[in-house]
């Protein structure tokens, strides 16, 4: 799995961080998403998929790698 984020689309809701904190974080100054791991291990794929699904801004894109 390859993860991409569209930072300008992010609305800083933080749901991705709650679901997959090893893959996503938020910037301190404005709360926008920070991608920590663009190729997360298989054991995190379910959480990353759920993060993409619940992202209210549709700022997370997943691709097979």
C-alpha atoms as a PDB file:
ATOM      1  CA  UNK A   1       0.000   0.000   0.000  1.00  0.00           C
ATOM      2  CA  UNK A   2       1.144   3.484  -0.870  1.00  0.00           C
ATOM      3  CA  UNK A   3      -0.426   6.446   0.947  1.00  0.00           C
ATOM      4  CA  UNK A   4      -0.633  10.012  -0.328  1.00  0.00           C
ATOM      5  CA  UNK A   5      -2.194  13.008   1.371  1.00  0.00           C
ATOM      6  CA  UNK A   6      -3.458  16.230  -0.148  1.00  0.00           C
ATOM      7  CA  UNK A   7      -2.456  18.628   2.628  1.00  0.00           C
ATOM      8  CA  UNK A   8      -4.279  21.667   1.169  1.00  0.00           C
ATOM      9  CA  UNK A   9      -7.561  19.676   1.275  1.00  0.00           C
ATOM     10  CA  UNK A  10      -7.096  18.670   4.923  1.00  0.00           C
ATOM     11  CA  UNK A  11      -9.554  20.230   7.385  1.00  0.00           C
ATOM     12  CA  UNK A  12      -7.618  19.132  10.499  1.00  0.00           C
ATOM     13  CA  UNK A  13     -10.341  16.894  11.928  1.00  0.00           C
ATOM     14  CA  UNK A  14      -7.693  14.463  13.207  1.00  0.00           C
ATOM     15  CA  UNK A  15      -9.625  11.257  12.567  1.00  0.00           C
ATOM     16  CA  UNK A  16      -6.700   9.761  10.645  1.00  0.00           C
ATOM     17  CA  UNK A  17      -4.386  10.345  13.605  1.00  0.00           C
ATOM     18  CA  UNK A  18      -6.801   8.674  15.993  1.00  0.00           C
ATOM     19  CA  UNK A  19      -7.174   5.626  13.752  1.00  0.00           C
ATOM     20  CA  UNK A  20      -3.582   5.244  12.508  1.00  0.00           C
ATOM     21  CA  UNK A  21      -1.149   7.224  14.687  1.00  0.00           C
ATOM     22  CA  UNK A  22       1.856   5.353  13.291  1.00  0.00           C
ATOM     23  CA  UNK A  23       1.019   6.615   9.799  1.00  0.00           C
ATOM     24  CA  UNK A  24      -0.515  10.068  10.351  1.00  0.00           C
ATOM     25  CA  UNK A  25       0.172  13.016  12.626  1.00  0.00           C
ATOM     26  CA  UNK A  26      -0.903  16.648  12.761  1.00  0.00           C
ATOM     27  CA  UNK A  27       1.149  19.827  12.578  1.00  0.00           C
ATOM     28  CA  UNK A  28       1.200  21.742  15.858  1.00  0.00           C
ATOM     29  CA  UNK A  29       0.645  25.139  14.279  1.00  0.00           C
ATOM     30  CA  UNK A  30      -2.529  24.403  12.297  1.00  0.00           C
ATOM     31  CA  UNK A  31      -3.526  20.759  12.828  1.00  0.00           C
ATOM     32  CA  UNK A  32      -3.058  19.761   9.183  1.00  0.00           C
ATOM     33  CA  UNK A  33      -2.099  16.196   8.379  1.00  0.00           C
ATOM     34  CA  UNK A  34       1.505  14.999   8.345  1.00  0.00           C
ATOM     35  CA  UNK A  35       2.222  11.689   6.633  1.00  0.00           C
ATOM     36  CA  UNK A  36       4.662   9.671   8.735  1.00  0.00           C
ATOM     37  CA  UNK A  37       4.817   6.508   6.630  1.00  0.00           C
ATOM     38  CA  UNK A  38       3.854   6.482   2.952  1.00  0.00           C
ATOM     39  CA  UNK A  39       4.327   2.694   2.748  1.00  0.00           C
ATOM     40  CA  UNK A  40       2.941   1.337   6.012  1.00  0.00           C
ATOM     41  CA  UNK A  41       3.340  -2.322   6.968  1.00  0.00           C
ATOM     42  CA  UNK A  42       0.503  -4.756   6.253  1.00  0.00           C
ATOM     43  CA  UNK A  43      -0.672  -4.837   9.864  1.00  0.00           C
ATOM     44  CA  UNK A  44      -1.638  -1.150   9.591  1.00  0.00           C
ATOM     45  CA  UNK A  45      -3.500  -1.377   6.268  1.00  0.00           C
ATOM     46  CA  UNK A  46      -6.973  -1.810   7.803  1.00  0.00           C
ATOM     47  CA  UNK A  47      -6.542   1.273  10.000  1.00  0.00           C
ATOM     48  CA  UNK A  48      -5.185   3.293   7.086  1.00  0.00           C
ATOM     49  CA  UNK A  49      -8.112   2.258   4.863  1.00  0.00           C
ATOM     50  CA  UNK A  50     -10.542   3.283   7.600  1.00  0.00           C
ATOM     51  CA  UNK A  51      -8.716   6.621   7.942  1.00  0.00           C
ATOM     52  CA  UNK A  52      -9.164   7.265   4.231  1.00  0.00           C
ATOM     53  CA  UNK A  53     -12.834   6.312   4.438  1.00  0.00           C
ATOM     54  CA  UNK A  54     -13.655   8.611   7.362  1.00  0.00           C
ATOM     55  CA  UNK A  55     -11.586  11.569   6.161  1.00  0.00           C
ATOM     56  CA  UNK A  56     -14.196  14.309   5.819  1.00  0.00           C
ATOM     57  CA  UNK A  57     -12.047  16.189   3.294  1.00  0.00           C
ATOM     58  CA  UNK A  58     -11.161  13.106   1.209  1.00  0.00           C
ATOM     59  CA  UNK A  59      -7.524  14.168   1.584  1.00  0.00           C
ATOM     60  CA  UNK A  60      -6.097  10.625   1.837  1.00  0.00           C
ATOM     61  CA  UNK A  61      -5.480   8.566  -1.287  1.00  0.00           C
ATOM     62  CA  UNK A  62      -4.419   4.918  -1.259  1.00  0.00           C
ATOM     63  CA  UNK A  63      -2.752   2.974  -4.038  1.00  0.00           C
ATOM     64  CA  UNK A  64      -1.583  -0.612  -4.290  1.00  0.00           C
ATOM     65  CA  UNK A  65       2.176  -0.887  -4.247  1.00  0.00           C
END
